[in-house]
Amino acid sequence: MVETYQLYIDGQWRPASDGATIPAINPYDQSVHAHIAVATADDVADACTAARRAYDQHWSKTSPGQRAALMNRLADLIDANASRLAVLETVDNGKVIRETSSQMAQASRVFRYYAGWADKVTGTRVPLDQAATEGLVLREAYGVIACVTAWNSPIAILCNTLPAALAAGNCVIVKPSEHASTTTLEIAKLCEAAGFPAGVVQVVTGAGATGAALTSSPLIDKVSFTGSPGVGRAIATAAAANLKPCALELGGKSPNIIFDDCDFDRALIGALAGIFGATGQTCIAGSRLLVQRGVYDRMVEGLALRAAQIRMGDPRLPETEMGTAANEPQFNKILSFIDAARNDGARLVAGGGRADGPGLEHGFFIEPTIFADVRNDMHVAAEEIFGPVLSIIPFSDEDEAVQIANDTPYGLASGVWSQDINRCMRMMHAIRSGVVWVNTYRVAASQLPFGGMKNSGYGRVRGHEGILEWMQTKTVFIDYSGDKRDPFAMKF
């Protein structure tokens, strides 16, 4: 049976006000596995009004302990439903079950982590020059947060914002991608079951018009967006009209840098994980592999051999290593970049087209693709592809590696492979990216902040910084001297 998902607004499940829906397509076999409501501007306005009412009337008055209890209850429900959610996300976007399963486990972990933070964000007492005057710095919730997520990892991206924003005391309206909405709606069902009050967590689904109506609403206090730089700029522009702040994670073109003195086998695995994990459809993909000339030929040969051995197939099966492109537009985009790389003169050493074979006939499968002898100014190296396409770029020394690594408008993630700790320390400081992995790649933790520099966006999720992102600062002066003062001179 194909399920029809409704909007979750003010504690109620309801169809779009005009009845419109869009199909949810399984990228493995192109079957319709669900229908998703498309929220109108009026539906979005109802959600914003409900969130504002919920925040003003009760959520802002809940204690940190009450919020933590609800979040821990939700984490328990996510654990109880993790297997079902993992399969549904795999069906929705083609990501292999081994990854969606780990992401569901991480989702409950993040909720518990921020449940622990709910009663630990403190203010500060500051000594002042003024006698008999108390100076306090308080941290308070913004109010209503709009959270717009992407199709590649819906729950993982949702959990970059929702748990921290709730722990900080905000209400949250989520707009998932129209290409992958079902697991977000299932999380809303679990929020309802956990006992979150009406209006605290809501989900409005649909395409760009739905997101625009949400992020431009004057009732929204801050926007969280994960996606492309182009859409991020549009959202930031719309938010600026109402002077509302944003937290933006806008992708990357991350350098993964291998030096001659690396542990070769570990570096090869790290290079594979960096680009072919999640079919390369991840903001942190190590899509530019910078390899020092002493190990360059060996690394190119080793990667080409290993890429040809990657198991593709039904992403619901645990033995499958790489799934599909998440949707048809992305599938076509990836193929166009492969063609452009050929035209630019890059040397194809693995893959290079649509994958075929038993079980792959109907899916959006692309061969693990590797180009060698790439220049950093080629399209394949300069632009975010968001697919299983690796550009291998040779370099001679440390200075050249830093120059190539930083020669990009992006600055989200990077990797360094070397057994020289001094070199690793120098590279760690020289690379302009929000995350640097040393002798590892594609690792995340609830306790550490994540976010980008340059065109990769601004703001931080996870870690202590993650909860502060959804709180604003208030300054309080308390004069307990009882003295009268000159009304025409400011007191310093």
Protein backbone atom coordinates (compact mmCIF):
# COMPACT_ATOMS: atom_id res chain seq x y z
CA MET A 1 0.00 0.00 0.00
CA VAL A 2 1.30 3.44 -0.96
CA GLU A 3 0.98 5.79 2.02
CA THR A 4 -0.13 9.40 1.72
CA TYR A 5 1.66 11.69 4.16
CA GLN A 6 -0.10 14.81 5.41
CA LEU A 7 1.22 18.02 6.90
CA TYR A 8 1.84 18.17 10.65
CA ILE A 9 0.60 21.57 11.84
CA ASP A 10 -0.38 22.63 15.37
CA GLY A 11 -0.48 19.04 16.61
CA GLN A 12 -2.78 17.87 13.81
CA TRP A 13 -2.26 15.84 10.64
CA ARG A 14 -4.01 17.49 7.74
CA PRO A 15 -3.88 17.55 3.93
CA ALA A 16 -2.64 20.56 2.03
CA SER A 17 -5.36 23.21 1.88
CA ASP A 18 -5.67 22.71 -1.89
CA GLY A 19 -5.25 18.93 -1.70
CA ALA A 20 -2.04 18.88 -3.75
CA THR A 21 0.47 16.04 -3.40
CA ILE A 22 3.71 14.94 -5.07
CA PRO A 23 4.99 11.37 -5.49
CA ALA A 24 7.93 10.02 -3.51
CA ILE A 25 10.08 8.06 -5.97
CA ASN A 26 12.31 5.14 -4.98
CA PRO A 27 15.53 5.80 -6.95
CA TYR A 28 16.39 2.09 -6.96
CA ASP A 29 13.43 1.03 -9.10
CA GLN A 30 11.64 4.34 -9.82
CA SER A 31 8.46 3.12 -8.14
CA VAL A 32 6.17 5.49 -6.23
CA HIS A 33 6.36 4.48 -2.58
CA ALA A 34 4.41 7.39 -1.03
CA HIS A 35 2.54 10.60 -1.76
CA ILE A 36 3.54 13.81 0.04
CA ALA A 37 1.30 16.82 0.70
CA VAL A 38 2.42 20.13 -0.80
CA ALA A 39 1.87 22.94 1.68
CA THR A 40 0.41 26.18 0.38
CA ALA A 41 1.38 29.62 1.59
CA ASP A 42 -1.72 29.56 3.82
CA ASP A 43 -0.65 26.24 5.34
CA VAL A 44 2.79 27.65 6.08
CA ALA A 45 1.25 30.74 7.62
CA ASP A 46 -0.88 28.52 9.88
CA ALA A 47 2.24 26.66 11.01
CA CYS A 48 4.09 29.91 11.76
CA THR A 49 1.15 31.25 13.76
CA ALA A 50 0.87 28.00 15.69
CA ALA A 51 4.59 27.99 16.48
CA ARG A 52 4.50 31.58 17.70
CA ARG A 53 1.49 30.83 19.89
CA ALA A 54 3.08 27.67 21.26
CA TYR A 55 6.29 29.49 22.11
CA ASP A 56 4.64 32.53 23.70
CA GLN A 57 2.00 30.66 25.68
CA HIS A 58 3.82 27.62 27.03
CA TRP A 59 7.04 26.33 25.43
CA SER A 60 9.07 29.36 26.54
CA LYS A 61 7.85 28.70 30.07
CA THR A 62 8.85 25.04 30.23
CA SER A 63 11.80 24.15 32.43
CA PRO A 64 15.01 22.72 30.96
CA GLY A 65 14.23 19.47 32.76
CA GLN A 66 10.84 19.20 31.06
CA ARG A 67 12.40 19.74 27.65
CA ALA A 68 15.12 17.18 28.40
CA ALA A 69 12.54 14.57 29.47
CA LEU A 70 10.64 14.95 26.19
CA MET A 71 13.85 14.73 24.16
CA ASN A 72 15.00 11.59 25.96
CA ARG A 73 11.59 10.05 25.38
CA LEU A 74 11.88 10.89 21.69
CA ALA A 75 15.37 9.33 21.58
CA ASP A 76 13.91 6.11 23.00
CA LEU A 77 11.23 6.11 20.30
CA ILE A 78 13.82 6.68 17.57
CA ASP A 79 15.79 3.69 18.86
CA ALA A 80 12.64 1.55 18.91
CA ASN A 81 11.88 2.50 15.31
CA ALA A 82 15.44 2.74 13.99
CA SER A 83 15.32 -0.27 11.66
CA ARG A 84 12.07 0.84 10.06
CA LEU A 85 13.30 4.41 9.67
CA ALA A 86 16.58 3.26 8.11
CA VAL A 87 14.78 1.17 5.49
CA LEU A 88 12.38 4.01 4.71
CA GLU A 89 15.21 6.50 4.22
CA THR A 90 17.02 4.04 1.97
CA VAL A 91 13.87 3.63 -0.11
CA ASP A 92 13.42 7.41 -0.21
CA ASN A 93 16.90 8.43 -1.37
CA GLY A 94 18.85 5.32 -2.38
CA LYS A 95 21.48 5.52 0.37
CA VAL A 96 22.78 2.11 1.48
CA ILE A 97 21.21 0.57 4.56
CA ARG A 98 24.55 0.28 6.36
CA GLU A 99 24.77 4.09 6.37
CA THR A 100 21.13 4.92 7.11
CA SER A 101 21.22 2.46 10.02
CA SER A 102 24.22 4.21 11.56
CA GLN A 103 22.58 7.59 11.00
CA MET A 104 19.46 6.51 12.92
CA ALA A 105 21.63 5.43 15.84
CA GLN A 106 23.38 8.79 15.72
CA ALA A 107 20.01 10.60 15.63
CA SER A 108 18.99 9.28 19.04
CA ARG A 109 22.49 9.97 20.33
CA VAL A 110 22.25 13.64 19.35
CA PHE A 111 18.87 14.03 21.04
CA ARG A 112 20.28 12.57 24.25
CA TYR A 113 23.38 14.74 23.98
CA TYR A 114 21.33 17.94 23.76
CA ALA A 115 18.85 16.75 26.37
CA GLY A 116 21.89 16.80 28.63
CA TRP A 117 22.69 20.37 27.61
CA ALA A 118 19.18 21.70 28.26
CA ASP A 119 19.88 22.58 31.92
CA LYS A 120 23.56 23.39 31.55
CA VAL A 121 23.60 26.59 29.48
CA THR A 122 24.36 29.25 32.03
CA GLY A 123 24.60 33.01 32.09
CA THR A 124 27.44 35.08 33.50
CA ARG A 125 27.86 37.64 36.27
CA VAL A 126 30.29 40.34 35.16
CA PRO A 127 32.06 42.76 37.59
CA LEU A 128 31.40 46.37 36.54
CA ASP A 129 33.05 49.73 37.07
CA GLN A 130 29.80 51.17 38.43
CA ALA A 131 29.45 50.78 42.19
CA ALA A 132 26.48 48.82 43.54
CA THR A 133 25.51 47.65 40.03
CA GLU A 134 25.14 44.05 39.00
CA GLY A 135 25.96 43.01 35.43
CA LEU A 136 24.39 39.82 34.05
CA VAL A 137 24.63 38.11 30.67
CA LEU A 138 21.71 35.79 29.92
CA ARG A 139 21.15 33.35 27.07
CA GLU A 140 17.61 32.92 25.78
CA ALA A 141 15.90 31.11 22.93
CA TYR A 142 15.19 32.95 19.69
CA GLY A 143 11.60 31.74 19.57
CA VAL A 144 10.60 30.12 16.26
CA ILE A 145 13.17 28.41 14.03
CA ALA A 146 12.63 27.46 10.38
CA CYS A 147 14.68 24.37 9.50
CA VAL A 148 15.05 23.57 5.78
CA THR A 149 16.85 20.28 5.15
CA ALA A 150 18.34 18.48 2.14
CA TRP A 151 17.57 15.17 0.42
CA ASN A 152 20.90 13.40 0.87
CA SER A 153 20.69 12.69 4.64
CA PRO A 154 17.30 13.95 5.85
CA ILE A 155 17.43 12.67 9.44
CA ALA A 156 21.12 13.36 10.02
CA ILE A 157 20.69 16.93 8.76
CA LEU A 158 17.48 17.39 10.75
CA CYS A 159 19.33 16.28 13.88
CA ASN A 160 21.97 18.93 13.28
CA THR A 161 19.34 21.53 14.21
CA LEU A 162 16.20 20.11 15.83
CA PRO A 163 17.65 18.68 19.08
CA ALA A 164 19.78 21.73 19.87
CA ALA A 165 17.02 24.18 18.98
CA LEU A 166 14.51 22.34 21.19
CA ALA A 167 16.95 22.06 24.09
CA ALA A 168 17.54 25.81 23.84
CA GLY A 169 13.79 26.38 24.16
CA ASN A 170 12.75 27.13 20.58
CA CYS A 171 9.82 25.89 18.54
CA VAL A 172 10.83 24.44 15.16
CA ILE A 173 9.08 24.23 11.78
CA VAL A 174 10.80 21.76 9.43
CA LYS A 175 10.62 21.84 5.63
CA PRO A 176 12.32 18.72 4.25
CA SER A 177 13.35 18.35 0.63
CA GLU A 178 10.54 17.39 -1.73
CA HIS A 179 12.84 14.57 -2.91
CA ALA A 180 13.06 12.92 0.54
CA SER A 181 10.38 13.85 3.06
CA THR A 182 9.05 10.62 4.51
CA THR A 183 11.47 10.01 7.39
CA THR A 184 11.12 13.59 8.60
CA LEU A 185 7.35 13.10 8.74
CA GLU A 186 7.91 9.86 10.64
CA ILE A 187 10.03 11.77 13.17
CA ALA A 188 7.11 14.18 13.57
CA LYS A 189 4.90 11.19 14.44
CA LEU A 190 7.41 10.19 17.09
CA CYS A 191 7.47 13.75 18.46
CA GLU A 192 3.71 13.53 18.80
CA ALA A 193 3.99 10.15 20.54
CA ALA A 194 6.68 11.50 22.88
CA GLY A 195 4.28 14.20 24.07
CA PHE A 196 5.68 17.40 22.59
CA PRO A 197 2.97 20.08 22.85
CA ALA A 198 1.10 21.18 19.73
CA GLY A 199 3.04 23.71 17.68
CA VAL A 200 6.47 22.95 19.13
CA VAL A 201 7.57 20.68 16.28
CA GLN A 202 5.81 20.97 12.92
CA VAL A 203 6.51 19.72 9.38
CA VAL A 204 5.40 21.43 6.18
CA THR A 205 6.31 19.60 2.99
CA GLY A 206 6.59 20.74 -0.59
CA ALA A 207 9.03 22.27 -3.03
CA GLY A 208 10.73 25.66 -3.30
CA ALA A 209 7.59 27.76 -2.90
CA THR A 210 6.89 26.11 0.45
CA GLY A 211 10.40 26.83 1.67
CA ALA A 212 10.24 30.44 0.45
CA ALA A 213 6.96 31.03 2.27
CA LEU A 214 8.45 29.64 5.46
CA THR A 215 11.83 31.38 5.47
CA SER A 216 10.36 34.77 4.53
CA SER A 217 7.67 34.76 7.21
CA PRO A 218 8.02 37.63 9.71
CA LEU A 219 7.05 35.17 12.47
CA ILE A 220 10.28 33.22 12.00
CA ASP A 221 13.14 34.31 14.27
CA LYS A 222 16.01 32.39 12.69
CA VAL A 223 16.56 30.11 9.69
CA SER A 224 18.59 26.91 9.41
CA PHE A 225 19.29 25.79 5.84
CA THR A 226 21.34 22.96 4.36
CA GLY A 227 21.73 22.87 0.58
CA SER A 228 23.29 24.60 -2.38
CA PRO A 229 25.01 28.01 -2.22
CA GLY A 230 22.54 29.43 -4.76
CA VAL A 231 19.49 28.55 -2.68
CA GLY A 232 21.34 29.57 0.48
CA ARG A 233 21.92 33.04 -0.92
CA ALA A 234 18.25 33.34 -1.86
CA ILE A 235 17.18 32.28 1.64
CA ALA A 236 19.63 34.67 3.29
CA THR A 237 18.35 37.50 1.06
CA ALA A 238 14.72 36.76 1.96
CA ALA A 239 15.59 36.50 5.65
CA ALA A 240 17.44 39.82 5.50
CA ALA A 241 14.22 41.56 4.48
CA ASN A 242 12.98 40.81 8.01
CA LEU A 243 16.46 41.17 9.58
CA LYS A 244 16.46 37.57 10.74
CA PRO A 245 19.75 35.64 11.15
CA CYS A 246 20.56 32.37 9.38
CA ALA A 247 22.75 29.34 9.91
CA LEU A 248 23.79 28.03 6.48
CA GLU A 249 25.59 24.83 5.49
CA LEU A 250 26.14 25.14 1.76
CA GLY A 251 28.32 22.30 0.59
CA GLY A 252 31.96 21.94 -0.30
CA LYS A 253 34.70 20.86 -2.64
CA SER A 254 36.87 19.34 0.01
CA PRO A 255 40.59 18.59 -0.44
CA ASN A 256 41.75 15.20 0.82
CA ILE A 257 45.56 15.48 0.87
CA ILE A 258 47.88 12.46 0.73
CA PHE A 259 51.61 12.91 1.36
CA ASP A 260 54.38 10.52 0.35
CA ASP A 261 54.97 9.48 3.97
CA CYS A 262 51.38 8.42 4.63
CA ASP A 263 50.26 4.98 5.78
CA PHE A 264 49.40 4.08 2.19
CA ASP A 265 46.74 1.43 2.82
CA ARG A 266 44.89 3.59 5.34
CA ALA A 267 45.07 6.62 3.05
CA LEU A 268 43.66 4.62 0.14
CA ILE A 269 40.72 3.52 2.27
CA GLY A 270 40.24 7.12 3.44
CA ALA A 271 40.19 8.33 -0.15
CA LEU A 272 37.54 5.72 -1.05
CA ALA A 273 35.42 6.61 1.99
CA GLY A 274 35.74 10.29 1.23
CA ILE A 275 34.20 10.12 -2.23
CA PHE A 276 32.31 6.84 -2.65
CA GLY A 277 30.74 6.67 0.81
CA ALA A 278 27.09 7.76 0.47
CA THR A 279 27.58 7.65 -3.33
CA GLY A 280 29.50 10.92 -3.00
CA GLN A 281 26.24 12.70 -2.18
CA THR A 282 27.52 14.39 0.92
CA CYS A 283 28.63 17.94 1.65
CA ILE A 284 31.91 16.68 3.11
CA ALA A 285 32.87 14.49 0.14
CA GLY A 286 36.62 14.44 -0.41
CA SER A 287 36.06 15.05 -4.10
CA ARG A 288 39.48 16.62 -4.69
CA LEU A 289 42.19 14.09 -3.89
CA LEU A 290 45.56 15.83 -3.75
CA VAL A 291 48.37 13.25 -3.98
CA GLN A 292 52.11 13.94 -3.65
CA ARG A 293 54.03 12.83 -6.68
CA GLY A 294 56.06 10.15 -4.87
CA VAL A 295 52.95 7.99 -4.36
CA TYR A 296 50.79 9.46 -7.12
CA ASP A 297 50.94 6.64 -9.69
CA ARG A 298 50.56 3.96 -7.05
CA MET A 299 47.55 5.72 -5.52
CA VAL A 300 45.85 6.24 -8.90
CA GLU A 301 46.33 2.57 -9.77
CA GLY A 302 45.16 1.35 -6.36
CA LEU A 303 42.04 3.50 -6.33
CA ALA A 304 41.07 2.54 -9.88
CA LEU A 305 41.35 -1.15 -8.96
CA ARG A 306 39.35 -0.77 -5.74
CA ALA A 307 36.66 1.41 -7.36
CA ALA A 308 35.98 -1.32 -9.92
CA GLN A 309 35.30 -3.74 -7.05
CA ILE A 310 32.67 -1.64 -5.26
CA ARG A 311 29.46 -3.64 -4.89
CA MET A 312 26.41 -1.85 -6.26
CA GLY A 313 22.85 -3.10 -6.02
CA ASP A 314 19.73 -2.95 -3.90
CA PRO A 315 20.63 -0.40 -1.20
CA ARG A 316 18.43 -2.25 1.30
CA LEU A 317 20.83 -5.21 1.28
CA PRO A 318 23.67 -5.07 3.84
CA GLU A 319 26.27 -6.28 1.33
CA THR A 320 25.66 -3.32 -1.01
CA GLU A 321 28.44 -0.74 -0.72
CA MET A 322 27.15 2.04 -2.98
CA GLY A 323 23.58 2.96 -3.84
CA THR A 324 21.96 5.22 -6.39
CA ALA A 325 21.88 8.89 -7.13
CA ALA A 326 19.05 10.14 -4.93
CA ASN A 327 16.82 11.40 -7.72
CA GLU A 328 16.69 11.80 -11.49
CA PRO A 329 17.76 15.48 -11.66
CA GLN A 330 20.85 14.68 -9.58
CA PHE A 331 21.58 11.59 -11.71
CA ASN A 332 21.58 13.71 -14.86
CA LYS A 333 23.69 16.42 -13.23
CA ILE A 334 26.40 13.94 -12.25
CA LEU A 335 26.57 12.49 -15.76
CA SER A 336 26.91 15.99 -17.22
CA PHE A 337 29.94 16.66 -15.00
CA ILE A 338 31.54 13.42 -16.14
CA ASP A 339 31.12 14.52 -19.76
CA ALA A 340 32.57 17.95 -18.94
CA ALA A 341 35.64 16.35 -17.33
CA ARG A 342 36.30 14.35 -20.48
CA ASN A 343 35.97 17.47 -22.58
CA ASP A 344 38.39 19.34 -20.30
CA GLY A 345 41.05 16.69 -20.84
CA ALA A 346 41.01 14.87 -17.51
CA ARG A 347 42.23 11.27 -17.75
CA LEU A 348 39.48 8.74 -16.96
CA VAL A 349 40.87 5.79 -14.99
CA ALA A 350 37.67 4.25 -13.57
CA GLY A 351 33.95 4.29 -14.32
CA GLY A 352 32.65 7.12 -16.41
CA GLY A 353 28.97 6.48 -16.99
CA ARG A 354 25.74 4.87 -15.96
CA ALA A 355 26.25 1.55 -14.21
CA ASP A 356 24.56 -1.51 -15.65
CA GLY A 357 24.28 -5.14 -14.71
CA PRO A 358 21.90 -7.45 -12.86
CA GLY A 359 19.72 -5.54 -10.43
CA LEU A 360 20.81 -2.13 -11.72
CA GLU A 361 18.49 -1.84 -14.72
CA HIS A 362 15.89 0.50 -13.27
CA GLY A 363 17.91 2.51 -10.77
CA PHE A 364 19.84 5.78 -10.98
CA PHE A 365 23.19 4.01 -10.67
CA ILE A 366 26.43 5.70 -11.67
CA GLU A 367 29.75 3.91 -11.85
CA PRO A 368 32.36 4.91 -9.24
CA THR A 369 34.27 7.35 -11.43
CA ILE A 370 37.87 8.55 -11.12
CA PHE A 371 39.69 11.16 -13.16
CA ALA A 372 43.47 11.53 -12.86
CA ASP A 373 45.81 14.35 -13.92
CA VAL A 374 43.12 16.89 -13.05
CA ARG A 375 43.90 20.59 -12.87
CA ASN A 376 42.27 22.58 -10.11
CA ASP A 377 40.64 24.94 -12.63
CA MET A 378 38.73 22.17 -14.43
CA HIS A 379 34.96 22.09 -13.85
CA VAL A 380 35.23 18.64 -12.28
CA ALA A 381 37.59 20.04 -9.62
CA ALA A 382 36.11 23.50 -9.17
CA GLU A 383 32.37 22.79 -8.84
CA GLU A 384 30.47 20.66 -6.36
CA ILE A 385 29.19 17.57 -8.19
CA PHE A 386 27.54 15.73 -5.30
CA GLY A 387 28.16 12.32 -6.76
CA PRO A 388 30.70 9.45 -6.99
CA VAL A 389 33.23 11.37 -9.09
CA LEU A 390 36.80 11.77 -7.84
CA SER A 391 39.36 14.26 -9.16
CA ILE A 392 42.98 13.30 -8.46
CA ILE A 393 45.38 16.25 -8.54
CA PRO A 394 49.17 15.82 -8.22
CA PHE A 395 51.31 18.13 -6.09
CA SER A 396 55.02 18.42 -5.33
CA ASP A 397 55.40 19.85 -1.83
CA GLU A 398 53.57 21.13 1.20
CA ASP A 399 53.29 24.72 -0.02
CA GLU A 400 51.73 23.62 -3.31
CA ALA A 401 49.30 21.36 -1.47
CA VAL A 402 48.11 24.27 0.68
CA GLN A 403 47.79 26.53 -2.36
CA ILE A 404 45.65 24.00 -4.26
CA ALA A 405 43.60 23.07 -1.20
CA ASN A 406 42.64 26.68 -0.49
CA ASP A 407 42.08 27.62 -4.13
CA THR A 408 38.31 27.10 -3.93
CA PRO A 409 35.34 29.22 -2.91
CA TYR A 410 34.35 26.46 -0.48
CA GLY A 411 35.70 25.73 2.98
CA LEU A 412 33.76 22.96 4.67
CA ALA A 413 36.06 19.98 5.23
CA SER A 414 39.52 18.63 4.45
CA GLY A 415 41.77 15.68 5.15
CA VAL A 416 45.53 15.26 5.70
CA TRP A 417 47.38 11.94 5.49
CA SER A 418 50.94 11.94 6.83
CA GLN A 419 52.94 10.25 9.57
CA ASP A 420 54.85 13.49 10.24
CA ILE A 421 53.05 15.14 13.16
CA ASN A 422 54.78 18.47 12.55
CA ARG A 423 53.49 18.52 8.97
CA CYS A 424 50.01 17.57 10.13
CA MET A 425 50.00 20.45 12.60
CA ARG A 426 51.16 22.92 9.95
CA MET A 427 48.50 21.72 7.51
CA MET A 428 45.81 21.79 10.17
CA HIS A 429 46.40 25.51 10.64
CA ALA A 430 47.01 26.38 6.98
CA ILE A 431 43.90 24.84 5.41
CA ARG A 432 40.86 27.12 5.38
CA SER A 433 38.05 24.75 6.25
CA GLY A 434 35.69 24.30 9.16
CA VAL A 435 36.71 20.66 9.69
CA VAL A 436 40.15 19.06 9.27
CA TRP A 437 40.55 15.29 9.53
CA VAL A 438 44.06 13.99 10.19
CA ASN A 439 44.73 10.38 9.11
CA THR A 440 41.01 9.75 8.90
CA TYR A 441 38.07 11.04 6.89
CA ARG A 442 34.29 11.37 7.16
CA VAL A 443 34.03 11.13 10.93
CA ALA A 444 31.45 12.99 13.03
CA ALA A 445 30.68 13.34 16.73
CA SER A 446 27.83 14.85 18.71
CA GLN A 447 30.35 16.60 20.96
CA LEU A 448 32.27 18.51 18.27
CA PRO A 449 31.02 21.50 16.27
CA PHE A 450 30.56 21.29 12.51
CA GLY A 451 30.26 24.04 9.93
CA GLY A 452 31.98 25.82 7.09
CA MET A 453 33.98 28.83 6.00
CA LYS A 454 33.74 30.93 2.84
CA ASN A 455 30.95 29.81 0.49
CA SER A 456 30.34 26.72 2.59
CA GLY A 457 28.24 28.88 4.87
CA TYR A 458 28.29 30.08 8.45
CA GLY A 459 27.02 28.96 11.82
CA ARG A 460 27.81 25.78 13.72
CA VAL A 461 25.89 22.63 14.61
CA ARG A 462 26.68 19.96 17.20
CA GLY A 463 28.82 20.38 20.28
CA HIS A 464 28.46 23.21 22.78
CA GLU A 465 28.48 25.71 19.91
CA GLY A 466 25.47 23.91 18.47
CA ILE A 467 23.11 24.88 21.28
CA LEU A 468 24.49 28.43 21.48
CA GLU A 469 23.63 28.81 17.77
CA TRP A 470 19.93 28.80 18.73
CA MET A 471 20.19 31.19 21.67
CA GLN A 472 20.62 34.95 21.77
CA THR A 473 22.35 37.09 24.34
CA LYS A 474 20.60 39.45 26.73
CA THR A 475 22.43 41.92 28.98
CA VAL A 476 20.93 42.99 32.33
CA PHE A 477 22.03 45.90 34.58
CA ILE A 478 20.73 45.93 38.15
CA ASP A 479 21.42 49.10 40.18
CA TYR A 480 20.91 48.37 43.87
CA SER A 481 22.65 51.51 45.20
CA GLY A 482 19.46 53.50 45.80
CA ASP A 483 21.33 56.64 44.66
CA LYS A 484 19.77 59.35 42.55
CA ARG A 485 21.70 60.17 39.37
CA ASP A 486 22.14 62.91 36.80
CA PRO A 487 19.39 62.19 34.23
CA PHE A 488 21.29 63.99 31.46
CA ALA A 489 24.55 61.99 31.49
CA MET A 490 24.93 58.32 30.70
CA LYS A 491 26.41 56.36 33.56
CA PHE A 492 29.64 54.50 32.76
